Amino acid sequence: MFPRLTDPRAVEIAQAMLDGFNRHYRLFRETSRAAKARFEAADWHGQQRAQRERIEFYDQRVAEAAERLTREFDAPNLPMDVWQQMKLHYIGLLIDHHQPELAETFFNSVSTRLLHRSYFRNDFLFVRPAVSTEYIENDEPAATPTYRAYYPTRETLHEALTRIVTNFQLQREFEDLPRDIGHVLAAVQRQLADYKLRANFQIQVLSSLFYRNKGAYLVGKVINGFVETPFALPIVHSERTGKLVIDAALFGEDDLLLVFSFARAYFMVDMEVPSAYVTFLRSLMPRKPRSEIYNALGLQKQGKNIFYRDFLYHLRHSSDRFRIAPGIKGMVMLVFDLPSFPYVFKVIKDSYPPPKDTSREQIMGKYLLVKTHDRVGRMADTLEYTNVAFPRARFEPALIEELKKECPSVVEEDGEVVVIKHLYIERRMVPLNIYLADATRAQMEHAVIEYGHAIKDLVAANIFPGDMLYKNFGVTRHGKVVFYDYDEIEYLTDCQFRRVPAARNEEDEMSGEVWYPVGPRDVFPETFGPFLLGNDTVRELFMKHHAELLDAAFWQGHKERILAGHVHDVFPYDEAKRFPHASA
């Protein structure tokens, strides 16, 4: 039964809650919209700073809303029926709202700050969505549509492609747009070589560019009869002239999955109706979960919410049990998984054996650093949760014992549930050490090349991974090697890379102990070899492709370039896909 809507406070609280969300999304859009001007001005440091700061917007607005509801309405102490009424009024306010799903998630975030866990059910929160996001459009006369459709013939395709690019009105000159459109046209024609143009041939393009670091991505699809081909055109600044160039033409779901990878920073996109963008992008990448698409658009709280709903649904329709994750146990994290679910759950342990010298706060700080940093396709995104209730019956006894032993401060048994007060969730990958143990020589060479490229990409992004053992890297379904253990990462610019001094005498040379002074952030790359290259085949392949990683000069050189102000971007496509002019 629905409660009777009799308490006037419920209406006021609902409106105050929505005011808090509307303020959040207005600020979110403003900083996303400003990405265009930063891109045009080549303000790369400003772009990276805005990406970091935008991640903090949500929690700031949630805290403000919770404080207002407490101050003005004593919200934590209101009776249950008032909260139920407030939710129903809030639903009414979301009719014709352009971001109802985000507003529902904001409601949950504020409410869970104010209420006891006993309220965490659909009577009081949006455990299930209440307002449909299907077919929402901005009907205001001057509104920009979610996407634009173009209907060229084969003869007018060059003209249509030019119009598609110029419609974004970038306020920086292209180096040679006709040349670039010629490259794009040739690439499109290769894609369509086996198809006759149908009567409904069209190109649909999302109305906002996707900005990330030093690139802007034009995203759309070519529709020819029953064949739909996703595509993206990366636009960058020419290193030679500083003018704009179209760098490549990417086609198909696999290419776009790399552009929107969970191991990359979030995009800046100006969206009035985010659910419409997600629907369009899902048509390009049907294998990508909606939660990850919301994350990629910078709406990571919505991504978390959808992920959790998907997780609960999976629990309801599965019967396997949580277990300690296979592989080498970590010194800092206890990792467990559900075999039927493609993610792992990571809990910070209460204590850490030597030589680990860290704290829970420091570890959480490292994970926040990764969340706000450019992940360059080489660091897995993490979803951070608090007070997650798991059905105790779904836990293997060994896992329960391990949690009680290693993480007692963050684990609580409450009847038939186990509550974990803080945990991270990451996409599951094959640990690189396990992959290498079972690999053929060809697979091993690919993995070693990828491993080295992963480290070099992190270096370019000003990240020193710290612990570079293979167990801290994973292999994705695309064969990419990604880093996922963050408790020892540092900014590259905070490290001092040194060569091992020459031995002073025979006693030094034979000593099993370090005889020379070592500072807290000194790194000696030539000492990596004994830990990484015990396998003869791995050593051969590593020295063939990445020997410079054992040279302090390589690391120090990158550090000096970054300190000089250079911003390097690692683009999500192979060098071979770049147009001929791009590297000129």
Protein backbone atom coordinates (compact mmCIF):
# COMPACT_ATOMS: atom_id res chain seq x y z
CA MET A 1 0.00 0.00 0.00
CA PHE A 2 1.22 3.51 -0.81
CA PRO A 3 1.29 5.93 2.13
CA ARG A 4 -1.15 8.82 2.06
CA LEU A 5 0.53 12.06 0.99
CA THR A 6 -0.42 14.08 4.05
CA ASP A 7 2.81 15.58 5.38
CA PRO A 8 3.73 18.95 3.80
CA ARG A 9 7.36 18.49 4.83
CA ALA A 10 7.69 15.65 2.34
CA VAL A 11 7.02 17.98 -0.60
CA GLU A 12 9.55 20.53 0.59
CA ILE A 13 12.24 17.92 1.24
CA ALA A 14 11.71 16.37 -2.19
CA GLN A 15 12.10 19.77 -3.86
CA ALA A 16 15.21 20.55 -1.80
CA MET A 17 16.69 17.20 -2.81
CA LEU A 18 16.02 17.88 -6.49
CA ASP A 19 17.47 21.39 -6.15
CA GLY A 20 20.70 19.76 -4.95
CA PHE A 21 20.81 17.42 -7.93
CA ASN A 22 20.00 20.16 -10.45
CA ARG A 23 22.86 22.26 -9.08
CA HIS A 24 25.19 19.27 -9.41
CA TYR A 25 24.29 18.52 -13.02
CA ARG A 26 24.44 22.20 -14.02
CA LEU A 27 28.03 22.41 -12.74
CA PHE A 28 28.87 19.05 -14.29
CA ARG A 29 27.65 20.26 -17.69
CA GLU A 30 29.41 23.60 -17.41
CA THR A 31 32.84 22.04 -16.87
CA SER A 32 32.14 19.42 -19.58
CA ARG A 33 31.05 22.10 -22.03
CA ALA A 34 34.18 24.14 -21.28
CA ALA A 35 36.31 21.22 -22.50
CA LYS A 36 35.78 22.50 -26.05
CA ALA A 37 37.46 25.84 -25.30
CA ARG A 38 40.31 24.11 -23.45
CA PHE A 39 40.84 21.80 -26.43
CA GLU A 40 40.84 24.71 -28.87
CA ALA A 41 43.36 26.58 -26.72
CA ALA A 42 45.56 23.48 -26.25
CA ASP A 43 45.22 23.94 -22.49
CA TRP A 44 46.23 20.38 -21.65
CA HIS A 45 47.06 21.01 -18.02
CA GLY A 46 43.70 22.75 -17.62
CA GLN A 47 41.94 19.82 -19.28
CA GLN A 48 43.55 17.31 -16.94
CA ARG A 49 42.85 19.51 -13.92
CA ALA A 50 39.17 19.83 -14.91
CA GLN A 51 38.90 16.06 -15.33
CA ARG A 52 40.27 15.52 -11.82
CA GLU A 53 38.13 18.20 -10.21
CA ARG A 54 34.92 17.08 -11.91
CA ILE A 55 35.16 13.67 -10.22
CA GLU A 56 34.89 15.43 -6.85
CA PHE A 57 31.77 17.43 -7.81
CA TYR A 58 29.31 14.69 -6.98
CA ASP A 59 30.41 14.03 -3.41
CA GLN A 60 30.56 17.77 -2.75
CA ARG A 61 26.96 18.27 -3.90
CA VAL A 62 25.77 15.21 -1.95
CA ALA A 63 27.38 16.57 1.21
CA GLU A 64 25.76 19.97 0.63
CA ALA A 65 22.32 18.42 0.11
CA ALA A 66 22.64 16.20 3.17
CA GLU A 67 23.68 19.18 5.29
CA ARG A 68 20.74 21.26 4.02
CA LEU A 69 18.19 18.51 4.69
CA THR A 70 19.57 18.03 8.18
CA ARG A 71 19.69 21.75 8.96
CA GLU A 72 16.29 22.72 7.56
CA PHE A 73 14.22 19.56 8.12
CA ASP A 74 16.05 17.43 10.72
CA ALA A 75 15.84 14.76 8.01
CA PRO A 76 17.71 11.93 9.84
CA ASN A 77 15.09 11.92 12.58
CA LEU A 78 11.93 12.04 10.48
CA PRO A 79 9.49 9.10 10.69
CA MET A 80 9.57 6.37 8.05
CA ASP A 81 6.25 7.42 6.53
CA VAL A 82 7.59 10.92 5.80
CA TRP A 83 10.55 9.40 3.90
CA GLN A 84 8.15 7.20 1.93
CA GLN A 85 6.01 10.20 1.06
CA MET A 86 9.09 12.18 0.12
CA LYS A 87 10.20 9.50 -2.34
CA LEU A 88 6.77 9.52 -4.02
CA HIS A 89 6.78 13.32 -4.34
CA TYR A 90 10.31 13.11 -5.76
CA ILE A 91 9.12 10.65 -8.41
CA GLY A 92 6.43 13.14 -9.38
CA LEU A 93 9.05 15.87 -9.80
CA LEU A 94 11.00 13.68 -12.22
CA ILE A 95 8.21 13.47 -14.77
CA ASP A 96 9.59 15.26 -17.86
CA HIS A 97 12.99 15.66 -16.19
CA HIS A 98 15.88 15.15 -18.65
CA GLN A 99 18.15 13.25 -16.23
CA PRO A 100 15.73 11.21 -14.09
CA GLU A 101 18.04 8.22 -13.62
CA LEU A 102 20.85 10.46 -12.36
CA ALA A 103 18.44 12.28 -10.03
CA GLU A 104 17.31 8.94 -8.57
CA THR A 105 20.92 7.97 -7.88
CA PHE A 106 21.54 11.37 -6.25
CA PHE A 107 18.51 10.73 -4.02
CA ASN A 108 20.02 7.40 -2.96
CA SER A 109 23.43 8.96 -2.25
CA VAL A 110 21.99 11.68 -0.01
CA SER A 111 19.53 9.36 1.73
CA THR A 112 22.13 6.72 2.59
CA ARG A 113 24.21 9.42 4.26
CA LEU A 114 21.29 10.29 6.50
CA LEU A 115 19.51 7.00 7.19
CA HIS A 116 20.26 3.75 8.97
CA ARG A 117 20.88 0.64 6.90
CA SER A 118 17.39 -0.63 7.80
CA TYR A 119 16.01 1.97 5.35
CA PHE A 120 18.04 0.59 2.43
CA ARG A 121 15.13 -0.92 0.53
CA ASN A 122 12.81 0.13 -2.27
CA ASP A 123 10.24 1.72 0.07
CA PHE A 124 12.71 4.51 0.79
CA LEU A 125 15.40 4.32 -1.90
CA PHE A 126 15.46 3.69 -5.64
CA VAL A 127 16.63 0.09 -5.45
CA ARG A 128 14.79 -0.24 -8.76
CA PRO A 129 14.40 2.69 -11.17
CA ALA A 130 11.00 4.38 -11.00
CA VAL A 131 11.10 6.67 -14.06
CA SER A 132 11.73 5.37 -17.57
CA THR A 133 14.59 6.85 -19.59
CA GLU A 134 13.24 5.59 -22.92
CA TYR A 135 12.79 8.18 -25.66
CA ILE A 136 13.58 11.24 -23.54
CA GLU A 137 14.32 14.23 -25.74
CA ASN A 138 14.77 17.93 -25.12
CA ASP A 139 11.72 19.44 -26.80
CA GLU A 140 12.71 23.07 -26.33
CA PRO A 141 12.72 24.92 -29.70
CA ALA A 142 16.43 25.82 -29.66
CA ALA A 143 17.57 22.51 -28.17
CA THR A 144 20.39 20.55 -29.75
CA PRO A 145 19.29 17.02 -30.68
CA THR A 146 21.15 14.04 -29.24
CA TYR A 147 22.45 13.16 -32.70
CA ARG A 148 22.30 14.55 -36.22
CA ALA A 149 21.51 12.48 -39.31
CA TYR A 150 23.07 13.13 -42.73
CA TYR A 151 21.82 11.56 -45.98
CA PRO A 152 24.60 11.73 -48.58
CA THR A 153 24.81 9.92 -51.88
CA ARG A 154 28.06 8.37 -52.99
CA GLU A 155 28.71 11.51 -55.04
CA THR A 156 28.11 13.90 -52.11
CA LEU A 157 29.83 11.84 -49.41
CA HIS A 158 32.92 14.10 -49.33
CA GLU A 159 30.72 17.16 -48.89
CA ALA A 160 28.67 15.46 -46.13
CA LEU A 161 31.79 14.39 -44.23
CA THR A 162 33.09 17.97 -44.40
CA ARG A 163 29.79 19.28 -43.06
CA ILE A 164 29.79 16.72 -40.25
CA VAL A 165 33.17 17.96 -39.03
CA THR A 166 32.58 21.69 -39.54
CA ASN A 167 29.20 21.57 -37.76
CA PHE A 168 31.09 21.26 -34.48
CA GLN A 169 32.45 24.77 -35.10
CA LEU A 170 35.86 24.20 -33.55
CA GLN A 171 37.54 27.57 -33.11
CA ARG A 172 40.96 26.48 -34.28
CA GLU A 173 42.08 26.12 -37.86
CA PHE A 174 42.52 22.71 -39.45
CA GLU A 175 45.90 22.11 -41.00
CA ASP A 176 44.33 20.76 -44.20
CA LEU A 177 40.70 19.69 -43.77
CA PRO A 178 40.14 18.67 -47.45
CA ARG A 179 43.16 16.36 -47.19
CA ASP A 180 41.87 14.84 -43.93
CA ILE A 181 38.35 14.40 -45.32
CA GLY A 182 39.94 12.65 -48.29
CA HIS A 183 41.57 10.17 -45.90
CA VAL A 184 38.26 9.64 -44.08
CA LEU A 185 36.38 9.23 -47.37
CA ALA A 186 38.85 6.59 -48.56
CA ALA A 187 38.50 4.75 -45.25
CA VAL A 188 34.68 4.85 -45.41
CA GLN A 189 34.72 3.62 -49.00
CA ARG A 190 36.93 0.71 -47.99
CA GLN A 191 34.42 -0.17 -45.27
CA LEU A 192 31.55 0.00 -47.79
CA ALA A 193 33.39 -1.69 -50.66
CA ASP A 194 31.25 -4.84 -50.48
CA TYR A 195 27.95 -2.98 -50.16
CA LYS A 196 25.73 -1.08 -52.52
CA LEU A 197 24.41 2.16 -51.04
CA ARG A 198 20.79 1.62 -49.99
CA ALA A 199 17.93 4.08 -50.16
CA ASN A 200 18.13 4.81 -46.44
CA PHE A 201 21.92 5.31 -46.41
CA GLN A 202 22.74 7.77 -43.64
CA ILE A 203 25.40 8.84 -41.18
CA GLN A 204 24.31 9.53 -37.60
CA VAL A 205 26.67 11.55 -35.40
CA LEU A 206 26.34 12.42 -31.71
CA SER A 207 26.01 16.19 -31.27
CA SER A 208 28.85 16.66 -28.79
CA LEU A 209 32.48 15.81 -29.32
CA PHE A 210 34.06 13.55 -26.69
CA TYR A 211 37.02 15.31 -25.09
CA ARG A 212 39.77 13.51 -23.19
CA ASN A 213 43.25 14.84 -22.51
CA LYS A 214 44.69 16.00 -25.88
CA GLY A 215 42.05 14.48 -28.16
CA ALA A 216 38.48 15.17 -29.31
CA TYR A 217 36.49 12.25 -30.71
CA LEU A 218 33.66 12.52 -33.21
CA VAL A 219 31.44 9.47 -32.65
CA GLY A 220 28.69 8.06 -34.85
CA LYS A 221 27.58 5.24 -37.14
CA VAL A 222 27.09 4.62 -40.85
CA ILE A 223 23.72 2.99 -41.64
CA ASN A 224 23.40 1.23 -44.98
CA GLY A 225 20.31 -0.96 -45.20
CA PHE A 226 20.57 -3.53 -42.43
CA VAL A 227 24.30 -2.92 -41.89
CA GLU A 228 25.36 -0.47 -39.16
CA THR A 229 29.04 0.42 -38.83
CA PRO A 230 30.18 2.30 -35.70
CA PHE A 231 32.98 4.81 -36.21
CA ALA A 232 35.03 7.43 -34.40
CA LEU A 233 37.26 10.17 -35.79
CA PRO A 234 39.97 11.36 -33.37
CA ILE A 235 40.83 15.05 -33.84
CA VAL A 236 44.18 16.18 -32.43
CA HIS A 237 46.63 19.06 -32.66
CA SER A 238 49.41 18.58 -35.19
CA GLU A 239 52.79 18.35 -33.51
CA ARG A 240 54.28 20.12 -36.52
CA THR A 241 51.96 23.12 -36.92
CA GLY A 242 49.72 23.14 -33.84
CA LYS A 243 46.68 23.16 -36.13
CA LEU A 244 43.94 20.54 -36.04
CA VAL A 245 44.13 17.25 -37.92
CA ILE A 246 41.87 14.23 -38.14
CA ASP A 247 44.29 11.59 -36.90
CA ALA A 248 42.56 8.35 -37.89
CA ALA A 249 39.26 6.69 -38.76
CA LEU A 250 38.25 3.91 -36.37
CA PHE A 251 35.54 1.44 -37.39
CA GLY A 252 33.63 -1.34 -35.68
CA GLU A 253 32.79 -2.31 -32.14
CA ASP A 254 36.27 -3.56 -31.24
CA ASP A 255 37.90 -0.22 -32.10
CA LEU A 256 35.30 1.69 -30.11
CA LEU A 257 35.59 -0.63 -27.12
CA LEU A 258 39.25 0.41 -26.90
CA VAL A 259 38.32 4.10 -27.14
CA PHE A 260 35.77 3.65 -24.34
CA SER A 261 37.91 1.22 -22.33
CA PHE A 262 37.46 0.83 -18.55
CA ALA A 263 41.21 1.44 -18.31
CA ARG A 264 40.97 5.02 -19.63
CA ALA A 265 40.05 8.38 -18.14
CA TYR A 266 36.46 9.62 -18.36
CA PHE A 267 35.34 11.77 -21.27
CA MET A 268 34.08 15.35 -21.12
CA VAL A 269 30.80 15.41 -23.07
CA ASP A 270 28.06 18.07 -23.08
CA MET A 271 24.80 16.10 -22.70
CA GLU A 272 21.33 17.40 -21.93
CA VAL A 273 19.88 13.86 -22.01
CA PRO A 274 22.62 11.43 -20.92
CA SER A 275 20.40 8.35 -21.22
CA ALA A 276 19.98 9.11 -24.94
CA TYR A 277 23.78 9.18 -25.36
CA VAL A 278 24.04 5.86 -23.52
CA THR A 279 21.36 4.32 -25.75
CA PHE A 280 23.17 5.52 -28.89
CA LEU A 281 26.57 4.29 -27.65
CA ARG A 282 25.09 0.94 -26.65
CA SER A 283 23.92 0.53 -30.26
CA LEU A 284 27.58 0.91 -31.28
CA MET A 285 28.96 -1.36 -28.52
CA PRO A 286 26.28 -3.89 -27.54
CA ARG A 287 28.82 -5.95 -25.59
CA LYS A 288 29.68 -3.05 -23.28
CA PRO A 289 27.61 -2.89 -20.07
CA ARG A 290 25.53 0.25 -19.60
CA SER A 291 27.31 0.82 -16.29
CA GLU A 292 30.68 1.14 -18.07
CA ILE A 293 29.23 3.52 -20.65
CA TYR A 294 27.94 5.82 -17.91
CA ASN A 295 31.40 5.62 -16.30
CA ALA A 296 33.10 6.55 -19.58
CA LEU A 297 30.86 9.63 -19.83
CA GLY A 298 32.04 10.82 -16.41
CA LEU A 299 28.82 9.74 -14.68
CA GLN A 300 30.59 7.18 -12.52
CA LYS A 301 28.07 7.30 -9.66
CA GLN A 302 25.33 6.28 -12.08
CA GLY A 303 27.63 3.59 -13.40
CA LYS A 304 28.12 2.32 -9.85
CA ASN A 305 24.37 2.28 -9.25
CA ILE A 306 23.60 0.31 -12.42
CA PHE A 307 26.49 -2.06 -11.75
CA TYR A 308 25.15 -2.80 -8.28
CA ARG A 309 21.65 -3.45 -9.64
CA ASP A 310 23.15 -5.83 -12.21
CA PHE A 311 25.13 -7.52 -9.44
CA LEU A 312 22.03 -8.05 -7.28
CA TYR A 313 20.19 -9.44 -10.29
CA HIS A 314 23.07 -11.83 -10.97
CA LEU A 315 23.06 -12.99 -7.33
CA ARG A 316 19.36 -13.71 -7.53
CA HIS A 317 19.82 -15.89 -10.62
CA SER A 318 23.01 -17.75 -9.69
CA SER A 319 23.95 -20.27 -7.02
CA ASP A 320 27.75 -20.43 -6.87
CA ARG A 321 29.62 -19.11 -3.85
CA PHE A 322 32.12 -16.36 -3.20
CA ARG A 323 35.65 -17.68 -2.77
CA ILE A 324 39.19 -16.44 -2.22
CA ALA A 325 40.35 -15.44 -5.71
CA PRO A 326 42.82 -17.82 -7.40
CA GLY A 327 46.41 -16.67 -7.71
CA ILE A 328 49.12 -15.32 -5.43
CA LYS A 329 47.70 -13.66 -2.33
CA GLY A 330 48.48 -9.98 -1.93
CA MET A 331 50.11 -8.44 1.12
CA VAL A 332 47.76 -5.45 1.21
CA MET A 333 44.48 -6.59 -0.34
CA LEU A 334 42.28 -9.61 0.28
CA VAL A 335 40.75 -10.45 -3.09
CA PHE A 336 37.69 -12.65 -3.58
CA ASP A 337 35.39 -13.41 -6.47
CA LEU A 338 32.24 -15.19 -7.58
CA PRO A 339 33.25 -17.62 -10.35
CA SER A 340 30.18 -16.82 -12.47
CA PHE A 341 30.67 -13.04 -12.25
CA PRO A 342 33.40 -11.28 -14.30
CA TYR A 343 34.64 -8.99 -11.52
CA VAL A 344 36.79 -9.27 -8.39
CA PHE A 345 36.19 -7.76 -4.95
CA LYS A 346 39.14 -6.22 -3.08
CA VAL A 347 39.22 -5.42 0.65
CA ILE A 348 42.09 -3.59 2.34
CA LYS A 349 43.63 -5.72 5.08
CA ASP A 350 44.02 -4.40 8.63
CA SER A 351 47.79 -4.96 8.81
CA TYR A 352 50.66 -5.49 6.37
CA PRO A 353 53.81 -7.55 6.92
CA PRO A 354 57.28 -6.11 6.21
CA PRO A 355 58.55 -4.72 3.92
CA LYS A 356 55.17 -3.02 3.36
CA ASP A 357 55.12 0.33 5.15
CA THR A 358 51.70 1.87 4.52
CA SER A 359 48.28 2.53 6.03
CA ARG A 360 44.63 2.18 5.03
CA GLU A 361 44.46 5.92 4.40
CA GLN A 362 47.51 5.86 2.15
CA ILE A 363 46.16 2.93 0.14
CA MET A 364 42.80 4.63 -0.33
CA GLY A 365 44.69 7.73 -1.43
CA LYS A 366 46.51 5.70 -4.12
CA TYR A 367 43.21 4.36 -5.47
CA LEU A 368 41.79 7.89 -5.54
CA LEU A 369 44.90 9.06 -7.41
CA VAL A 370 44.23 6.44 -10.10
CA LYS A 371 40.55 7.41 -10.27
CA THR A 372 41.42 11.06 -10.95
CA HIS A 373 44.48 10.45 -13.15
CA ASP A 374 44.80 9.75 -16.85
CA ARG A 375 44.78 5.94 -16.92
CA VAL A 376 46.09 5.81 -20.54
CA GLY A 377 44.43 2.45 -21.14
CA ARG A 378 46.79 0.77 -18.68
CA MET A 379 45.16 1.11 -15.24
CA ALA A 380 41.86 -0.59 -14.46
CA ASP A 381 39.02 1.58 -13.21
CA THR A 382 37.69 0.62 -9.78
CA LEU A 383 34.23 0.94 -8.27
CA GLU A 384 34.40 1.91 -4.61
CA TYR A 385 31.56 0.91 -2.27
CA THR A 386 30.76 1.22 1.43
CA ASN A 387 28.51 -0.95 3.63
CA VAL A 388 27.78 -3.66 1.07
CA ALA A 389 25.60 -6.49 2.40
CA PHE A 390 26.29 -9.97 1.00
CA PRO A 391 24.20 -13.10 1.75
CA ARG A 392 26.34 -15.08 4.20
CA ALA A 393 25.16 -18.40 2.79
CA ARG A 394 26.88 -17.55 -0.51
CA PHE A 395 30.34 -17.34 1.11
CA GLU A 396 32.66 -20.32 1.27
CA PRO A 397 33.73 -20.97 4.89
CA ALA A 398 37.40 -20.41 4.02
CA LEU A 399 36.59 -16.92 2.74
CA ILE A 400 34.65 -16.05 5.92
CA GLU A 401 37.62 -17.14 8.01
CA GLU A 402 40.06 -15.18 5.84
CA LEU A 403 37.94 -12.01 6.10
CA LYS A 404 37.73 -12.34 9.90
CA LYS A 405 41.46 -12.93 10.13
CA GLU A 406 42.72 -10.27 7.71
CA CYS A 407 40.01 -7.57 7.70
CA PRO A 408 38.09 -7.68 11.01
CA SER A 409 37.69 -3.89 11.23
CA VAL A 410 35.69 -3.68 7.99
CA VAL A 411 33.69 -6.92 8.19
CA GLU A 412 30.51 -7.29 10.21
CA GLU A 413 28.16 -10.27 10.47
CA ASP A 414 24.54 -9.23 10.85
CA GLY A 415 22.30 -12.27 10.98
CA GLU A 416 22.15 -13.82 7.53
CA VAL A 417 24.29 -11.15 5.86
CA VAL A 418 27.94 -10.21 5.85
CA VAL A 419 28.46 -6.44 5.66
CA ILE A 420 31.75 -5.21 4.22
CA LYS A 421 32.19 -1.59 5.20
CA HIS A 422 34.59 -0.69 2.38
CA LEU A 423 35.64 -2.49 -0.78
CA TYR A 424 36.74 -2.00 -4.38
CA ILE A 425 35.40 -3.89 -7.39
CA GLU A 426 37.42 -4.34 -10.60
CA ARG A 427 36.87 -6.19 -13.85
CA ARG A 428 38.46 -9.62 -13.69
CA MET A 429 41.49 -10.26 -15.89
CA VAL A 430 43.93 -13.14 -16.28
CA PRO A 431 46.92 -12.32 -14.03
CA LEU A 432 49.96 -11.89 -16.25
CA ASN A 433 52.06 -14.39 -14.25
CA ILE A 434 49.40 -17.08 -14.82
CA TYR A 435 49.08 -16.13 -18.50
CA LEU A 436 52.84 -16.40 -19.04
CA ALA A 437 53.01 -19.79 -17.29
CA ASP A 438 50.62 -21.33 -19.86
CA ALA A 439 51.62 -19.31 -22.94
CA THR A 440 53.08 -20.46 -26.22
CA ARG A 441 56.19 -18.62 -27.38
CA ALA A 442 54.08 -16.39 -29.67
CA GLN A 443 51.65 -15.60 -26.85
CA MET A 444 54.55 -14.98 -24.50
CA GLU A 445 56.17 -12.53 -26.90
CA HIS A 446 52.90 -10.64 -27.35
CA ALA A 447 52.43 -10.48 -23.56
CA VAL A 448 55.99 -9.30 -22.92
CA ILE A 449 55.66 -6.61 -25.60
CA GLU A 450 52.35 -5.51 -24.06
CA TYR A 451 53.83 -5.56 -20.55
CA GLY A 452 56.63 -3.25 -21.60
CA HIS A 453 54.26 -0.95 -23.46
CA ALA A 454 52.03 -0.83 -20.38
CA ILE A 455 54.93 0.38 -18.24
CA LYS A 456 56.01 2.91 -20.89
CA ASP A 457 52.48 4.26 -21.20
CA LEU A 458 52.31 4.66 -17.41
CA VAL A 459 55.67 6.44 -17.46
CA ALA A 460 54.37 8.82 -20.14
CA ALA A 461 51.41 9.58 -17.85
CA ASN A 462 53.75 10.40 -14.93
CA ILE A 463 53.07 7.14 -13.06
CA PHE A 464 55.71 4.89 -11.54
CA PRO A 465 53.93 1.59 -10.79
CA GLY A 466 56.19 0.67 -7.89
CA ASP A 467 55.72 -3.09 -7.72
CA MET A 468 56.15 -4.28 -11.31
CA LEU A 469 55.84 -8.01 -10.66
CA TYR A 470 53.73 -9.81 -13.24
CA LYS A 471 51.08 -10.76 -10.67
CA ASN A 472 50.10 -7.09 -10.47
CA PHE A 473 49.21 -6.92 -14.17
CA GLY A 474 46.31 -8.55 -15.98
CA VAL A 475 45.54 -9.52 -19.58
CA THR A 476 42.19 -8.27 -20.92
CA ARG A 477 39.95 -10.02 -23.42
CA HIS A 478 41.51 -7.79 -26.12
CA GLY A 479 45.00 -9.00 -25.22
CA LYS A 480 45.95 -5.69 -23.58
CA VAL A 481 48.09 -5.76 -20.45
CA VAL A 482 46.67 -3.58 -17.68
CA PHE A 483 48.03 -2.69 -14.23
CA TYR A 484 45.70 -3.19 -11.28
CA ASP A 485 47.63 -3.12 -7.98
CA TYR A 486 47.98 0.47 -6.84
CA ASP A 487 49.26 0.45 -3.26
CA GLU A 488 52.84 1.34 -4.28
CA ILE A 489 52.31 3.73 -7.18
CA GLU A 490 53.97 7.13 -7.13
CA TYR A 491 54.16 10.07 -9.46
CA LEU A 492 57.20 9.54 -11.65
CA THR A 493 58.29 13.09 -10.89
CA ASP A 494 58.48 12.26 -7.17
CA CYS A 495 61.01 9.46 -7.74
CA GLN A 496 64.78 9.66 -8.11
CA PHE A 497 66.12 7.19 -10.68
CA ARG A 498 69.71 6.15 -10.04
CA ARG A 499 72.33 3.76 -11.30
CA VAL A 500 73.80 1.31 -8.80
CA PRO A 501 77.19 2.78 -7.77
CA ALA A 502 80.34 0.89 -8.69
CA ALA A 503 81.55 -1.38 -5.90
CA ARG A 504 84.30 0.19 -3.81
CA ASN A 505 86.01 -3.10 -3.11
CA GLU A 506 85.61 -6.87 -3.36
CA GLU A 507 83.72 -7.01 -0.07
CA ASP A 508 81.06 -4.62 -1.46
CA GLU A 509 80.85 -6.66 -4.65
CA MET A 510 80.25 -9.93 -2.79
CA SER A 511 77.88 -8.46 -0.20
CA GLY A 512 74.28 -9.71 -0.16
CA GLU A 513 73.23 -6.44 1.46
CA VAL A 514 72.85 -2.99 -0.08
CA TRP A 515 76.05 -1.21 0.89
CA TYR A 516 75.29 2.20 -0.68
CA PRO A 517 72.88 4.85 0.70
CA VAL A 518 69.28 4.61 -0.56
CA GLY A 519 66.71 7.36 -0.14
CA PRO A 520 63.00 6.62 0.46
CA ARG A 521 62.10 7.30 -3.20
CA ASP A 522 65.29 6.17 -4.88
CA VAL A 523 64.73 3.66 -7.70
CA PHE A 524 67.45 1.53 -9.32
CA PRO A 525 66.00 0.18 -12.62
CA GLU A 526 68.94 -2.14 -13.32
CA THR A 527 67.91 -4.15 -10.25
CA PHE A 528 64.51 -5.01 -11.80
CA GLY A 529 66.04 -7.87 -13.80
CA PRO A 530 66.40 -10.53 -11.07
CA PHE A 531 62.75 -10.10 -10.05
CA LEU A 532 61.27 -9.99 -13.56
CA LEU A 533 63.52 -12.03 -15.82
CA GLY A 534 63.99 -15.40 -14.15
CA ASN A 535 62.48 -17.23 -17.12
CA ASP A 536 65.05 -17.52 -19.92
CA THR A 537 62.50 -17.03 -22.71
CA VAL A 538 60.94 -14.03 -20.99
CA ARG A 539 64.40 -12.54 -20.48
CA GLU A 540 65.27 -12.99 -24.17
CA LEU A 541 62.02 -11.36 -25.30
CA PHE A 542 62.19 -8.57 -22.73
CA MET A 543 65.75 -7.63 -23.66
CA LYS A 544 64.79 -7.72 -27.36
CA HIS A 545 61.87 -5.30 -26.97
CA HIS A 546 62.24 -3.35 -23.72
CA ALA A 547 65.85 -3.41 -22.49
CA GLU A 548 65.73 0.36 -21.89
CA LEU A 549 63.41 -0.22 -18.91
CA LEU A 550 66.49 -1.45 -17.02
CA ASP A 551 68.30 1.84 -17.66
CA ALA A 552 67.89 4.73 -15.22
CA ALA A 553 68.43 7.20 -18.08
CA PHE A 554 65.14 6.11 -19.70
CA TRP A 555 63.14 6.87 -16.56
CA GLN A 556 65.01 10.05 -15.70
CA GLY A 557 64.58 11.36 -19.23
CA HIS A 558 60.81 11.00 -19.07
CA LYS A 559 60.76 12.60 -15.65
CA GLU A 560 62.66 15.63 -16.93
CA ARG A 561 60.30 16.05 -19.91
CA ILE A 562 57.26 15.98 -17.63
CA LEU A 563 58.86 18.48 -15.23
CA ALA A 564 59.50 20.73 -18.24
CA GLY A 565 55.73 20.84 -18.85
CA HIS A 566 55.34 18.25 -21.61
CA VAL A 567 51.95 16.49 -21.63
CA HIS A 568 52.00 13.16 -23.41
CA ASP A 569 48.77 11.45 -24.46
CA VAL A 570 48.50 7.77 -25.23
CA PHE A 571 45.81 7.42 -27.86
CA PRO A 572 43.61 4.28 -27.91
CA TYR A 573 44.56 3.03 -31.36
CA ASP A 574 47.62 1.61 -33.03
CA GLU A 575 50.15 3.79 -34.79
CA ALA A 576 49.33 1.89 -37.99
CA LYS A 577 45.79 3.30 -37.97
CA ARG A 578 47.00 6.92 -38.12
CA PHE A 579 46.66 8.79 -41.39
CA PRO A 580 49.92 9.37 -43.33
CA HIS A 581 50.22 13.05 -42.38
CA ALA A 582 49.80 12.39 -38.67
CA SER A 583 53.40 11.59 -37.81
CA ALA A 584 54.86 14.08 -40.28
